[in-house]
């Protein structure tokens, strides 16, 4: 029997207003690791408390990693549009580089946005 895999890309909002983007196979565990400061060298360690503001599920790890790499390169404004579910703003926020626009389109094709996840501190 073929086993279904589950991978996630996620964005955390840090206490300084920046976003951290990551990929994991266990979103609850990984968020707890960030929030509890498990890894001292992590970008998020000195930026706690954190809030999980976005997560998207993937069946294949390669798709999750590819989407995460693209999302990491996006501006704060584009990430905010994704978090807010305002995907129609992405073309206007994109640079005039067509490769970036096509990467945005690819991400939207594989990203399934459902109810936004928000774990952590309250704004």
PDB file of N, CA and C in Angstrom:
ATOM      1  N   UNK A   1       0.842  -1.186   0.000  1.00  0.00           N
ATOM      2  CA  UNK A   1       0.000   0.000   0.000  1.00  0.00           C
ATOM      3  C   UNK A   1       0.885   1.246   0.000  1.00  0.00           C
ATOM      4  N   UNK A   2       0.560   2.184  -0.863  1.00  0.00           N
ATOM      5  CA  UNK A   2       1.336   3.418  -0.957  1.00  0.00           C
ATOM      6  C   UNK A   2       0.962   4.357   0.186  1.00  0.00           C
ATOM      7  N   UNK A   3       1.958   4.869   0.860  1.00  0.00           N
ATOM      8  CA  UNK A   3       1.753   5.774   1.985  1.00  0.00           C
ATOM      9  C   UNK A   3       1.662   7.216   1.491  1.00  0.00           C
ATOM     10  N   UNK A   4       0.666   7.939   1.954  1.00  0.00           N
ATOM     11  CA  UNK A   4       0.557   9.362   1.633  1.00  0.00           C
ATOM     12  C   UNK A   4       1.486  10.141   2.535  1.00  0.00           C
ATOM     13  N   UNK A   5       2.250  11.006   1.937  1.00  0.00           N
ATOM     14  CA  UNK A   5       3.163  11.853   2.696  1.00  0.00           C
ATOM     15  C   UNK A   5       2.527  13.225   2.881  1.00  0.00           C
ATOM     16  N   UNK A   6       2.986  13.916   3.876  1.00  0.00           N
ATOM     17  CA  UNK A   6       2.461  15.238   4.178  1.00  0.00           C
ATOM     18  C   UNK A   6       3.628  16.145   4.511  1.00  0.00           C
ATOM     19  N   UNK A   7       3.764  17.205   3.733  1.00  0.00           N
ATOM     20  CA  UNK A   7       4.819  18.189   3.945  1.00  0.00           C
ATOM     21  C   UNK A   7       4.163  19.565   3.944  1.00  0.00           C
ATOM     22  N   UNK A   8       4.783  20.484   4.636  1.00  0.00           N
ATOM     23  CA  UNK A   8       4.229  21.814   4.794  1.00  0.00           C
ATOM     24  C   UNK A   8       5.286  22.871   4.503  1.00  0.00           C
ATOM     25  N   UNK A   9       4.865  23.965   3.842  1.00  0.00           N
ATOM     26  CA  UNK A   9       5.647  25.190   3.908  1.00  0.00           C
ATOM     27  C   UNK A   9       4.889  26.073   4.884  1.00  0.00           C
ATOM     28  N   UNK A  10       5.617  26.890   5.599  1.00  0.00           N
ATOM     29  CA  UNK A  10       4.967  27.723   6.606  1.00  0.00           C
ATOM     30  C   UNK A  10       5.693  29.047   6.728  1.00  0.00           C
ATOM     31  N   UNK A  11       4.952  30.042   7.221  1.00  0.00           N
ATOM     32  CA  UNK A  11       5.541  31.339   7.525  1.00  0.00           C
ATOM     33  C   UNK A  11       5.209  31.683   8.967  1.00  0.00           C
ATOM     34  N   UNK A  12       6.240  32.123   9.659  1.00  0.00           N
ATOM     35  CA  UNK A  12       6.085  32.613  11.025  1.00  0.00           C
ATOM     36  C   UNK A  12       6.285  34.113  11.013  1.00  0.00           C
ATOM     37  N   UNK A  13       5.447  34.817  11.737  1.00  0.00           N
ATOM     38  CA  UNK A  13       5.698  36.240  11.941  1.00  0.00           C
ATOM     39  C   UNK A  13       6.453  36.360  13.247  1.00  0.00           C
ATOM     40  N   UNK A  14       7.597  37.002  13.176  1.00  0.00           N
ATOM     41  CA  UNK A  14       8.449  37.187  14.351  1.00  0.00           C
ATOM     42  C   UNK A  14       8.030  38.435  15.105  1.00  0.00           C
ATOM     43  N   UNK A  15       8.467  38.538  16.344  1.00  0.00           N
ATOM     44  CA  UNK A  15       8.101  39.681  17.182  1.00  0.00           C
ATOM     45  C   UNK A  15       8.610  41.001  16.620  1.00  0.00           C
ATOM     46  N   UNK A  16       9.632  40.958  15.753  1.00  0.00           N
ATOM     47  CA  UNK A  16      10.139  42.190  15.138  1.00  0.00           C
ATOM     48  C   UNK A  16       9.433  42.525  13.820  1.00  0.00           C
ATOM     49  N   UNK A  17       8.411  41.753  13.473  1.00  0.00           N
ATOM     50  CA  UNK A  17       7.631  42.010  12.265  1.00  0.00           C
ATOM     51  C   UNK A  17       8.129  41.311  11.022  1.00  0.00           C
ATOM     52  N   UNK A  18       9.292  40.665  11.089  1.00  0.00           N
ATOM     53  CA  UNK A  18       9.818  39.940   9.935  1.00  0.00           C
ATOM     54  C   UNK A  18       9.114  38.594   9.815  1.00  0.00           C
ATOM     55  N   UNK A  19       9.281  37.973   8.649  1.00  0.00           N
ATOM     56  CA  UNK A  19       8.712  36.648   8.406  1.00  0.00           C
ATOM     57  C   UNK A  19       9.835  35.634   8.261  1.00  0.00           C
ATOM     58  N   UNK A  20       9.607  34.461   8.817  1.00  0.00           N
ATOM     59  CA  UNK A  20      10.507  33.331   8.631  1.00  0.00           C
ATOM     60  C   UNK A  20       9.729  32.290   7.830  1.00  0.00           C
ATOM     61  N   UNK A  21      10.344  31.744   6.796  1.00  0.00           N
ATOM     62  CA  UNK A  21       9.711  30.733   5.959  1.00  0.00           C
ATOM     63  C   UNK A  21      10.462  29.422   6.108  1.00  0.00           C
ATOM     64  N   UNK A  22       9.717  28.332   6.260  1.00  0.00           N
ATOM     65  CA  UNK A  22      10.347  27.027   6.420  1.00  0.00           C
ATOM     66  C   UNK A  22       9.522  25.923   5.793  1.00  0.00           C
ATOM     67  N   UNK A  23      10.073  24.720   5.852  1.00  0.00           N
ATOM     68  CA  UNK A  23       9.401  23.524   5.346  1.00  0.00           C
ATOM     69  C   UNK A  23       9.555  22.428   6.395  1.00  0.00           C
ATOM     70  N   UNK A  24       8.535  21.602   6.559  1.00  0.00           N
ATOM     71  CA  UNK A  24       8.560  20.551   7.565  1.00  0.00           C
ATOM     72  C   UNK A  24       7.592  19.434   7.196  1.00  0.00           C
ATOM     73  N   UNK A  25       7.733  18.302   7.860  1.00  0.00           N
ATOM     74  CA  UNK A  25       6.757  17.225   7.694  1.00  0.00           C
ATOM     75  C   UNK A  25       5.832  17.131   8.911  1.00  0.00           C
ATOM     76  N   UNK A  26       6.029  18.015   9.893  1.00  0.00           N
ATOM     77  CA  UNK A  26       5.176  18.023  11.083  1.00  0.00           C
ATOM     78  C   UNK A  26       5.049  19.470  11.564  1.00  0.00           C
ATOM     79  N   UNK A  27       3.987  20.124  11.151  1.00  0.00           N
ATOM     80  CA  UNK A  27       3.841  21.552  11.407  1.00  0.00           C
ATOM     81  C   UNK A  27       3.715  21.872  12.898  1.00  0.00           C
ATOM     82  N   UNK A  28       2.995  21.055  13.645  1.00  0.00           N
ATOM     83  CA  UNK A  28       2.816  21.318  15.072  1.00  0.00           C
ATOM     84  C   UNK A  28       4.139  21.205  15.832  1.00  0.00           C
ATOM     85  N   UNK A  29       4.885  20.149  15.548  1.00  0.00           N
ATOM     86  CA  UNK A  29       6.183  19.944  16.207  1.00  0.00           C
ATOM     87  C   UNK A  29       7.151  21.071  15.866  1.00  0.00           C
ATOM     88  N   UNK A  30       7.204  21.421  14.572  1.00  0.00           N
ATOM     89  CA  UNK A  30       8.171  22.426  14.135  1.00  0.00           C
ATOM     90  C   UNK A  30       7.846  23.799  14.719  1.00  0.00           C
ATOM     91  N   UNK A  31       6.562  24.140  14.791  1.00  0.00           N
ATOM     92  CA  UNK A  31       6.191  25.417  15.393  1.00  0.00           C
ATOM     93  C   UNK A  31       6.598  25.439  16.862  1.00  0.00           C
ATOM     94  N   UNK A  32       6.354  24.345  17.569  1.00  0.00           N
ATOM     95  CA  UNK A  32       6.738  24.271  18.984  1.00  0.00           C
ATOM     96  C   UNK A  32       8.250  24.420  19.145  1.00  0.00           C
ATOM     97  N   UNK A  33       9.032  23.819  18.243  1.00  0.00           N
ATOM     98  CA  UNK A  33      10.491  23.952  18.308  1.00  0.00           C
ATOM     99  C   UNK A  33      10.915  25.414  18.164  1.00  0.00           C
ATOM    100  N   UNK A  34      10.310  26.101  17.195  1.00  0.00           N
ATOM    101  CA  UNK A  34      10.619  27.528  17.022  1.00  0.00           C
ATOM    102  C   UNK A  34      10.206  28.322  18.255  1.00  0.00           C
ATOM    103  N   UNK A  35       8.975  28.120  18.704  1.00  0.00           N
ATOM    104  CA  UNK A  35       8.420  28.907  19.800  1.00  0.00           C
ATOM    105  C   UNK A  35       9.181  28.679  21.111  1.00  0.00           C
ATOM    106  N   UNK A  36       9.642  27.449  21.321  1.00  0.00           N
ATOM    107  CA  UNK A  36      10.372  27.111  22.547  1.00  0.00           C
ATOM    108  C   UNK A  36      11.859  27.413  22.457  1.00  0.00           C
ATOM    109  N   UNK A  37      12.338  27.855  21.306  1.00  0.00           N
ATOM    110  CA  UNK A  37      13.746  28.202  21.156  1.00  0.00           C
ATOM    111  C   UNK A  37      14.662  27.000  21.186  1.00  0.00           C
ATOM    112  N   UNK A  38      14.235  25.909  20.561  1.00  0.00           N
ATOM    113  CA  UNK A  38      15.018  24.671  20.574  1.00  0.00           C
ATOM    114  C   UNK A  38      16.387  24.839  19.917  1.00  0.00           C
ATOM    115  N   UNK A  39      16.453  25.629  18.874  1.00  0.00           N
ATOM    116  CA  UNK A  39      17.715  25.811  18.143  1.00  0.00           C
ATOM    117  C   UNK A  39      18.227  27.238  18.348  1.00  0.00           C
ATOM    118  N   UNK A  40      19.246  27.395  19.161  1.00  0.00           N
ATOM    119  CA  UNK A  40      19.793  28.705  19.514  1.00  0.00           C
ATOM    120  C   UNK A  40      20.268  29.467  18.281  1.00  0.00           C
ATOM    121  N   UNK A  41      20.773  28.763  17.278  1.00  0.00           N
ATOM    122  CA  UNK A  41      21.317  29.408  16.085  1.00  0.00           C
ATOM    123  C   UNK A  41      20.230  29.804  15.070  1.00  0.00           C
ATOM    124  N   UNK A  42      18.996  29.430  15.327  1.00  0.00           N
ATOM    125  CA  UNK A  42      17.903  29.707  14.406  1.00  0.00           C
ATOM    126  C   UNK A  42      17.605  31.207  14.303  1.00  0.00           C
ATOM    127  N   UNK A  43      17.181  31.627  13.121  1.00  0.00           N
ATOM    128  CA  UNK A  43      16.781  33.018  12.882  1.00  0.00           C
ATOM    129  C   UNK A  43      15.712  33.459  13.879  1.00  0.00           C
ATOM    130  N   UNK A  44      14.844  32.554  14.255  1.00  0.00           N
ATOM    131  CA  UNK A  44      13.699  32.910  15.097  1.00  0.00           C
ATOM    132  C   UNK A  44      14.025  32.959  16.586  1.00  0.00           C
ATOM    133  N   UNK A  45      15.169  32.449  16.991  1.00  0.00           N
ATOM    134  CA  UNK A  45      15.469  32.319  18.425  1.00  0.00           C
ATOM    135  C   UNK A  45      15.339  33.638  19.179  1.00  0.00           C
ATOM    136  N   UNK A  46      15.961  34.697  18.685  1.00  0.00           N
ATOM    137  CA  UNK A  46      15.929  35.999  19.355  1.00  0.00           C
ATOM    138  C   UNK A  46      14.735  36.845  18.920  1.00  0.00           C
ATOM    139  N   UNK A  47      13.850  36.279  18.114  1.00  0.00           N
ATOM    140  CA  UNK A  47      12.707  37.033  17.596  1.00  0.00           C
ATOM    141  C   UNK A  47      11.384  36.472  18.117  1.00  0.00           C
ATOM    142  N   UNK A  48      11.434  35.746  19.216  1.00  0.00           N
ATOM    143  CA  UNK A  48      10.221  35.199  19.823  1.00  0.00           C
ATOM    144  C   UNK A  48       9.543  36.261  20.677  1.00  0.00           C
ATOM    145  N   UNK A  49       8.246  36.189  20.891  1.00  0.00           N
ATOM    146  CA  UNK A  49       7.331  35.115  20.488  1.00  0.00           C
ATOM    147  C   UNK A  49       7.016  35.174  18.995  1.00  0.00           C
ATOM    148  N   UNK A  50       6.534  34.060  18.494  1.00  0.00           N
ATOM    149  CA  UNK A  50       6.254  33.884  17.079  1.00  0.00           C
ATOM    150  C   UNK A  50       4.778  33.597  16.875  1.00  0.00           C
ATOM    151  N   UNK A  51       4.343  33.825  15.655  1.00  0.00           N
ATOM    152  CA  UNK A  51       2.966  33.512  15.290  1.00  0.00           C
ATOM    153  C   UNK A  51       2.991  32.786  13.959  1.00  0.00           C
ATOM    154  N   UNK A  52       2.395  31.610  13.898  1.00  0.00           N
ATOM    155  CA  UNK A  52       2.259  30.899  12.631  1.00  0.00           C
ATOM    156  C   UNK A  52       1.144  31.584  11.854  1.00  0.00           C
ATOM    157  N   UNK A  53       1.502  32.224  10.741  1.00  0.00           N
ATOM    158  CA  UNK A  53       0.523  33.018  10.003  1.00  0.00           C
ATOM    159  C   UNK A  53       0.125  32.391   8.669  1.00  0.00           C
ATOM    160  N   UNK A  54       0.846  31.362   8.236  1.00  0.00           N
ATOM    161  CA  UNK A  54       0.529  30.729   6.962  1.00  0.00           C
ATOM    162  C   UNK A  54       1.118  29.329   6.930  1.00  0.00           C
ATOM    163  N   UNK A  55       0.352  28.408   6.363  1.00  0.00           N
ATOM    164  CA  UNK A  55       0.853  27.053   6.118  1.00  0.00           C
ATOM    165  C   UNK A  55       0.127  26.484   4.911  1.00  0.00           C
ATOM    166  N   UNK A  56       0.842  25.744   4.108  1.00  0.00           N
ATOM    167  CA  UNK A  56       0.265  25.102   2.945  1.00  0.00           C
ATOM    168  C   UNK A  56       0.824  23.685   2.848  1.00  0.00           C
ATOM    169  N   UNK A  57      -0.057  22.738   2.588  1.00  0.00           N
ATOM    170  CA  UNK A  57       0.302  21.315   2.591  1.00  0.00           C
ATOM    171  C   UNK A  57       0.654  20.832   1.191  1.00  0.00           C
ATOM    172  N   UNK A  58       1.631  19.928   1.121  1.00  0.00           N
ATOM    173  CA  UNK A  58       2.071  19.314  -0.125  1.00  0.00           C
ATOM    174  C   UNK A  58       2.194  17.819   0.072  1.00  0.00           C
ATOM    175  N   UNK A  59       1.959  17.073  -0.995  1.00  0.00           N
ATOM    176  CA  UNK A  59       2.120  15.625  -0.928  1.00  0.00           C
ATOM    177  C   UNK A  59       3.581  15.223  -1.118  1.00  0.00           C
ATOM    178  N   UNK A  60       4.307  15.969  -1.934  1.00  0.00           N
ATOM    179  CA  UNK A  60       5.682  15.592  -2.266  1.00  0.00           C
ATOM    180  C   UNK A  60       6.670  16.609  -1.700  1.00  0.00           C
ATOM    181  N   UNK A  61       7.714  16.108  -1.083  1.00  0.00           N
ATOM    182  CA  UNK A  61       8.702  16.968  -0.442  1.00  0.00           C
ATOM    183  C   UNK A  61       9.383  17.888  -1.454  1.00  0.00           C
ATOM    184  N   UNK A  62       9.617  17.400  -2.675  1.00  0.00           N
ATOM    185  CA  UNK A  62      10.271  18.239  -3.690  1.00  0.00           C
ATOM    186  C   UNK A  62       9.421  19.476  -3.998  1.00  0.00           C
ATOM    187  N   UNK A  63       8.102  19.301  -4.058  1.00  0.00           N
ATOM    188  CA  UNK A  63       7.210  20.430  -4.324  1.00  0.00           C
ATOM    189  C   UNK A  63       7.241  21.424  -3.171  1.00  0.00           C
ATOM    190  N   UNK A  64       7.249  20.925  -1.947  1.00  0.00           N
ATOM    191  CA  UNK A  64       7.285  21.800  -0.769  1.00  0.00           C
ATOM    192  C   UNK A  64       8.592  22.588  -0.735  1.00  0.00           C
ATOM    193  N   UNK A  65       9.707  21.927  -0.971  1.00  0.00           N
ATOM    194  CA  UNK A  65      11.011  22.596  -0.943  1.00  0.00           C
ATOM    195  C   UNK A  65      11.097  23.644  -2.048  1.00  0.00           C
ATOM    196  N   UNK A  66      10.625  23.307  -3.229  1.00  0.00           N
ATOM    197  CA  UNK A  66      10.652  24.250  -4.352  1.00  0.00           C
ATOM    198  C   UNK A  66       9.801  25.486  -4.047  1.00  0.00           C
ATOM    199  N   UNK A  67       8.610  25.286  -3.510  1.00  0.00           N
ATOM    200  CA  UNK A  67       7.735  26.410  -3.166  1.00  0.00           C
ATOM    201  C   UNK A  67       8.353  27.254  -2.058  1.00  0.00           C
ATOM    202  N   UNK A  68       8.969  26.604  -1.069  1.00  0.00           N
ATOM    203  CA  UNK A  68       9.604  27.336   0.025  1.00  0.00           C
ATOM    204  C   UNK A  68      10.741  28.212  -0.487  1.00  0.00           C
ATOM    205  N   UNK A  69      11.565  27.681  -1.383  1.00  0.00           N
ATOM    206  CA  UNK A  69      12.687  28.447  -1.926  1.00  0.00           C
ATOM    207  C   UNK A  69      12.201  29.688  -2.661  1.00  0.00           C
ATOM    208  N   UNK A  70      11.119  29.551  -3.420  1.00  0.00           N
ATOM    209  CA  UNK A  70      10.570  30.708  -4.132  1.00  0.00           C
ATOM    210  C   UNK A  70       9.991  31.717  -3.144  1.00  0.00           C
ATOM    211  N   UNK A  71       9.225  31.241  -2.181  1.00  0.00           N
ATOM    212  CA  UNK A  71       8.576  32.126  -1.213  1.00  0.00           C
ATOM    213  C   UNK A  71       9.597  32.907  -0.396  1.00  0.00           C
ATOM    214  N   UNK A  72      10.715  32.278  -0.050  1.00  0.00           N
ATOM    215  CA  UNK A  72      11.762  32.947   0.728  1.00  0.00           C
ATOM    216  C   UNK A  72      12.303  34.183   0.004  1.00  0.00           C
ATOM    217  N   UNK A  73      12.296  34.160  -1.314  1.00  0.00           N
ATOM    218  CA  UNK A  73      12.842  35.268  -2.100  1.00  0.00           C
ATOM    219  C   UNK A  73      11.852  36.418  -2.265  1.00  0.00           C
ATOM    220  N   UNK A  74      10.612  36.209  -1.905  1.00  0.00           N
ATOM    221  CA  UNK A  74       9.587  37.227  -2.110  1.00  0.00           C
ATOM    222  C   UNK A  74       9.726  38.366  -1.116  1.00  0.00           C
ATOM    223  N   UNK A  75       9.234  39.518  -1.508  1.00  0.00           N
ATOM    224  CA  UNK A  75       9.243  40.698  -0.643  1.00  0.00           C
ATOM    225  C   UNK A  75       8.267  40.502   0.518  1.00  0.00           C
ATOM    226  N   UNK A  76       8.450  41.343   1.516  1.00  0.00           N
ATOM    227  CA  UNK A  76       7.547  41.338   2.675  1.00  0.00           C
ATOM    228  C   UNK A  76       6.102  41.565   2.214  1.00  0.00           C
ATOM    229  N   UNK A  77       5.917  42.476   1.269  1.00  0.00           N
ATOM    230  CA  UNK A  77       4.576  42.798   0.771  1.00  0.00           C
ATOM    231  C   UNK A  77       3.926  41.603   0.077  1.00  0.00           C
ATOM    232  N   UNK A  78       4.690  40.873  -0.726  1.00  0.00           N
ATOM    233  CA  UNK A  78       4.134  39.697  -1.399  1.00  0.00           C
ATOM    234  C   UNK A  78       3.794  38.608  -0.390  1.00  0.00           C
ATOM    235  N   UNK A  79       4.651  38.420   0.601  1.00  0.00           N
ATOM    236  CA  UNK A  79       4.354  37.429   1.637  1.00  0.00           C
ATOM    237  C   UNK A  79       3.086  37.821   2.395  1.00  0.00           C
ATOM    238  N   UNK A  80       2.937  39.114   2.674  1.00  0.00           N
ATOM    239  CA  UNK A  80       1.749  39.587   3.384  1.00  0.00           C
ATOM    240  C   UNK A  80       0.493  39.333   2.556  1.00  0.00           C
ATOM    241  N   UNK A  81       0.577  39.516   1.255  1.00  0.00           N
ATOM    242  CA  UNK A  81      -0.571  39.253   0.379  1.00  0.00           C
ATOM    243  C   UNK A  81      -0.969  37.776   0.442  1.00  0.00           C
ATOM    244  N   UNK A  82       0.003  36.874   0.446  1.00  0.00           N
ATOM    245  CA  UNK A  82      -0.282  35.442   0.552  1.00  0.00           C
ATOM    246  C   UNK A  82      -0.933  35.146   1.900  1.00  0.00           C
ATOM    247  N   UNK A  83      -0.382  35.687   2.961  1.00  0.00           N
ATOM    248  CA  UNK A  83      -0.925  35.471   4.303  1.00  0.00           C
ATOM    249  C   UNK A  83      -2.369  35.953   4.385  1.00  0.00           C
ATOM    250  N   UNK A  84      -2.640  37.106   3.780  1.00  0.00           N
ATOM    251  CA  UNK A  84      -3.979  37.693   3.825  1.00  0.00           C
ATOM    252  C   UNK A  84      -4.946  37.050   2.841  1.00  0.00           C
ATOM    253  N   UNK A  85      -4.441  36.123   2.024  1.00  0.00           N
ATOM    254  CA  UNK A  85      -5.291  35.493   1.020  1.00  0.00           C
ATOM    255  C   UNK A  85      -5.637  36.436  -0.125  1.00  0.00           C
ATOM    256  N   UNK A  86      -4.822  37.448  -0.344  1.00  0.00           N
ATOM    257  CA  UNK A  86      -5.047  38.458  -1.395  1.00  0.00           C
ATOM    258  C   UNK A  86      -4.155  38.141  -2.600  1.00  0.00           C
ATOM    259  N   UNK A  87      -4.333  36.965  -3.152  1.00  0.00           N
ATOM    260  CA  UNK A  87      -3.476  36.495  -4.236  1.00  0.00           C
ATOM    261  C   UNK A  87      -3.588  37.354  -5.488  1.00  0.00           C
ATOM    262  N   UNK A  88      -4.710  38.031  -5.643  1.00  0.00           N
ATOM    263  CA  UNK A  88      -4.880  38.896  -6.815  1.00  0.00           C
ATOM    264  C   UNK A  88      -3.891  40.066  -6.815  1.00  0.00           C
ATOM    265  N   UNK A  89      -3.294  40.372  -5.663  1.00  0.00           N
ATOM    266  CA  UNK A  89      -2.317  41.458  -5.574  1.00  0.00           C
ATOM    267  C   UNK A  89      -0.924  41.050  -6.050  1.00  0.00           C
ATOM    268  N   UNK A  90      -0.664  39.757  -6.124  1.00  0.00           N
ATOM    269  CA  UNK A  90       0.688  39.288  -6.440  1.00  0.00           C
ATOM    270  C   UNK A  90       1.235  39.823  -7.766  1.00  0.00           C
ATOM    271  N   UNK A  91       0.455  39.839  -8.844  1.00  0.00           N
ATOM    272  CA  UNK A  91       1.025  40.368 -10.095  1.00  0.00           C
ATOM    273  C   UNK A  91       1.468  41.824  -9.958  1.00  0.00           C
ATOM    274  N   UNK A  92       0.702  42.629  -9.242  1.00  0.00           N
ATOM    275  CA  UNK A  92       1.067  44.038  -9.073  1.00  0.00           C
ATOM    276  C   UNK A  92       2.284  44.203  -8.173  1.00  0.00           C
ATOM    277  N   UNK A  93       2.498  43.252  -7.276  1.00  0.00           N
ATOM    278  CA  UNK A  93       3.629  43.332  -6.357  1.00  0.00           C
ATOM    279  C   UNK A  93       4.896  42.720  -6.939  1.00  0.00           C
ATOM    280  N   UNK A  94       4.743  42.005  -8.048  1.00  0.00           N
ATOM    281  CA  UNK A  94       5.892  41.340  -8.668  1.00  0.00           C
ATOM    282  C   UNK A  94       6.799  42.355  -9.341  1.00  0.00           C
ATOM    283  N   UNK A  95       8.076  42.030  -9.354  1.00  0.00           N
ATOM    284  CA  UNK A  95       9.025  42.853 -10.104  1.00  0.00           C
ATOM    285  C   UNK A  95       8.751  42.678 -11.586  1.00  0.00           C
ATOM    286  N   UNK A  96       9.412  43.435 -12.391  1.00  0.00           N
ATOM    287  CA  UNK A  96       9.208  43.347 -13.835  1.00  0.00           C
ATOM    288  C   UNK A  96      10.003  42.200 -14.453  1.00  0.00           C
ATOM    289  N   UNK A  97      10.477  41.301 -13.623  1.00  0.00           N
ATOM    290  CA  UNK A  97      11.239  40.141 -14.081  1.00  0.00           C
ATOM    291  C   UNK A  97      10.257  39.003 -14.355  1.00  0.00           C
ATOM    292  N   UNK A  98      10.169  38.567 -15.618  1.00  0.00           N
ATOM    293  CA  UNK A  98       9.200  37.551 -15.989  1.00  0.00           C
ATOM    294  C   UNK A  98       9.461  36.207 -15.322  1.00  0.00           C
ATOM    295  N   UNK A  99      10.715  35.901 -14.983  1.00  0.00           N
ATOM    296  CA  UNK A  99      10.985  34.633 -14.314  1.00  0.00           C
ATOM    297  C   UNK A  99      10.364  34.615 -12.928  1.00  0.00           C
ATOM    298  N   UNK A 100      10.341  35.754 -12.263  1.00  0.00           N
ATOM    299  CA  UNK A 100       9.714  35.834 -10.945  1.00  0.00           C
ATOM    300  C   UNK A 100       8.205  35.693 -11.092  1.00  0.00           C
ATOM    301  N   UNK A 101       7.621  36.310 -12.122  1.00  0.00           N
ATOM    302  CA  UNK A 101       6.177  36.180 -12.335  1.00  0.00           C
ATOM    303  C   UNK A 101       5.796  34.740 -12.600  1.00  0.00           C
ATOM    304  N   UNK A 102       6.585  34.020 -13.405  1.00  0.00           N
ATOM    305  CA  UNK A 102       6.259  32.626 -13.678  1.00  0.00           C
ATOM    306  C   UNK A 102       6.439  31.774 -12.436  1.00  0.00           C
ATOM    307  N   UNK A 103       7.419  32.094 -11.596  1.00  0.00           N
ATOM    308  CA  UNK A 103       7.595  31.363 -10.339  1.00  0.00           C
ATOM    309  C   UNK A 103       6.397  31.589  -9.428  1.00  0.00           C
ATOM    310  N   UNK A 104       5.861  32.817  -9.418  1.00  0.00           N
ATOM    311  CA  UNK A 104       4.673  33.104  -8.609  1.00  0.00           C
ATOM    312  C   UNK A 104       3.496  32.290  -9.114  1.00  0.00           C
ATOM    313  N   UNK A 105       3.342  32.201 -10.412  1.00  0.00           N
ATOM    314  CA  UNK A 105       2.241  31.428 -10.981  1.00  0.00           C
ATOM    315  C   UNK A 105       2.382  29.954 -10.635  1.00  0.00           C
ATOM    316  N   UNK A 106       3.615  29.427 -10.695  1.00  0.00           N
ATOM    317  CA  UNK A 106       3.841  28.030 -10.335  1.00  0.00           C
ATOM    318  C   UNK A 106       3.490  27.777  -8.873  1.00  0.00           C
ATOM    319  N   UNK A 107       3.876  28.682  -7.997  1.00  0.00           N
ATOM    320  CA  UNK A 107       3.576  28.525  -6.581  1.00  0.00           C
ATOM    321  C   UNK A 107       2.068  28.504  -6.366  1.00  0.00           C
ATOM    322  N   UNK A 108       1.354  29.389  -7.038  1.00  0.00           N
ATOM    323  CA  UNK A 108      -0.092  29.442  -6.873  1.00  0.00           C
ATOM    324  C   UNK A 108      -0.757  28.182  -7.386  1.00  0.00           C
ATOM    325  N   UNK A 109      -0.192  27.553  -8.406  1.00  0.00           N
ATOM    326  CA  UNK A 109      -0.765  26.321  -8.936  1.00  0.00           C
ATOM    327  C   UNK A 109      -0.679  25.185  -7.933  1.00  0.00           C
ATOM    328  N   UNK A 110       0.412  25.099  -7.170  1.00  0.00           N
ATOM    329  CA  UNK A 110       0.587  23.978  -6.243  1.00  0.00           C
ATOM    330  C   UNK A 110       0.158  24.302  -4.830  1.00  0.00           C
ATOM    331  N   UNK A 111      -0.104  25.584  -4.539  1.00  0.00           N
ATOM    332  CA  UNK A 111      -0.478  25.982  -3.188  1.00  0.00           C
ATOM    333  C   UNK A 111      -1.977  25.875  -3.020  1.00  0.00           C
ATOM    334  N   UNK A 112      -2.390  25.197  -1.980  1.00  0.00           N
ATOM    335  CA  UNK A 112      -3.804  25.089  -1.645  1.00  0.00           C
ATOM    336  C   UNK A 112      -4.037  25.942  -0.422  1.00  0.00           C
ATOM    337  N   UNK A 113      -4.637  27.102  -0.613  1.00  0.00           N
ATOM    338  CA  UNK A 113      -4.872  27.996   0.509  1.00  0.00           C
ATOM    339  C   UNK A 113      -6.237  27.689   1.090  1.00  0.00           C
ATOM    340  N   UNK A 114      -6.238  27.349   2.349  1.00  0.00           N
ATOM    341  CA  UNK A 114      -7.482  27.105   3.051  1.00  0.00           C
ATOM    342  C   UNK A 114      -7.608  28.162   4.129  1.00  0.00           C
ATOM    343  N   UNK A 115      -8.232  27.827   5.215  1.00  0.00           N
ATOM    344  CA  UNK A 115      -8.356  28.773   6.317  1.00  0.00           C
ATOM    345  C   UNK A 115      -6.967  29.098   6.840  1.00  0.00           C
ATOM    346  N   UNK A 116      -6.617  30.379   6.936  1.00  0.00           N
ATOM    347  CA  UNK A 116      -5.280  30.741   7.429  1.00  0.00           C
ATOM    348  C   UNK A 116      -5.056  30.203   8.841  1.00  0.00           C
ATOM    349  N   UNK A 117      -3.885  29.663   9.058  1.00  0.00           N
ATOM    350  CA  UNK A 117      -3.513  29.182  10.384  1.00  0.00           C
ATOM    351  C   UNK A 117      -2.861  30.308  11.145  1.00  0.00           C
ATOM    352  N   UNK A 118      -3.254  30.497  12.361  1.00  0.00           N
ATOM    353  CA  UNK A 118      -2.616  31.501  13.222  1.00  0.00           C
ATOM    354  C   UNK A 118      -2.443  30.878  14.591  1.00  0.00           C
ATOM    355  N   UNK A 119      -1.206  30.562  14.897  1.00  0.00           N
ATOM    356  CA  UNK A 119      -0.858  30.021  16.210  1.00  0.00           C
ATOM    357  C   UNK A 119       0.139  30.966  16.827  1.00  0.00           C
ATOM    358  N   UNK A 120       0.106  31.107  18.117  1.00  0.00           N
ATOM    359  CA  UNK A 120       1.101  31.914  18.801  1.00  0.00           C
ATOM    360  C   UNK A 120       0.486  33.138  19.405  1.00  0.00           C
ATOM    361  N   UNK A 121       1.275  34.199  19.440  1.00  0.00           N
ATOM    362  CA  UNK A 121       0.847  35.412  20.115  1.00  0.00           C
ATOM    363  C   UNK A 121      -0.293  36.083  19.350  1.00  0.00           C
ATOM    364  N   UNK A 122      -1.040  36.885  20.049  1.00  0.00           N
ATOM    365  CA  UNK A 122      -2.107  37.656  19.433  1.00  0.00           C
ATOM    366  C   UNK A 122      -1.576  39.034  19.080  1.00  0.00           C
ATOM    367  N   UNK A 123      -2.008  39.534  17.932  1.00  0.00           N
ATOM    368  CA  UNK A 123      -1.584  40.879  17.524  1.00  0.00           C
ATOM    369  C   UNK A 123      -2.382  41.913  18.250  1.00  0.00           C
TER     370      UNK A 123
END
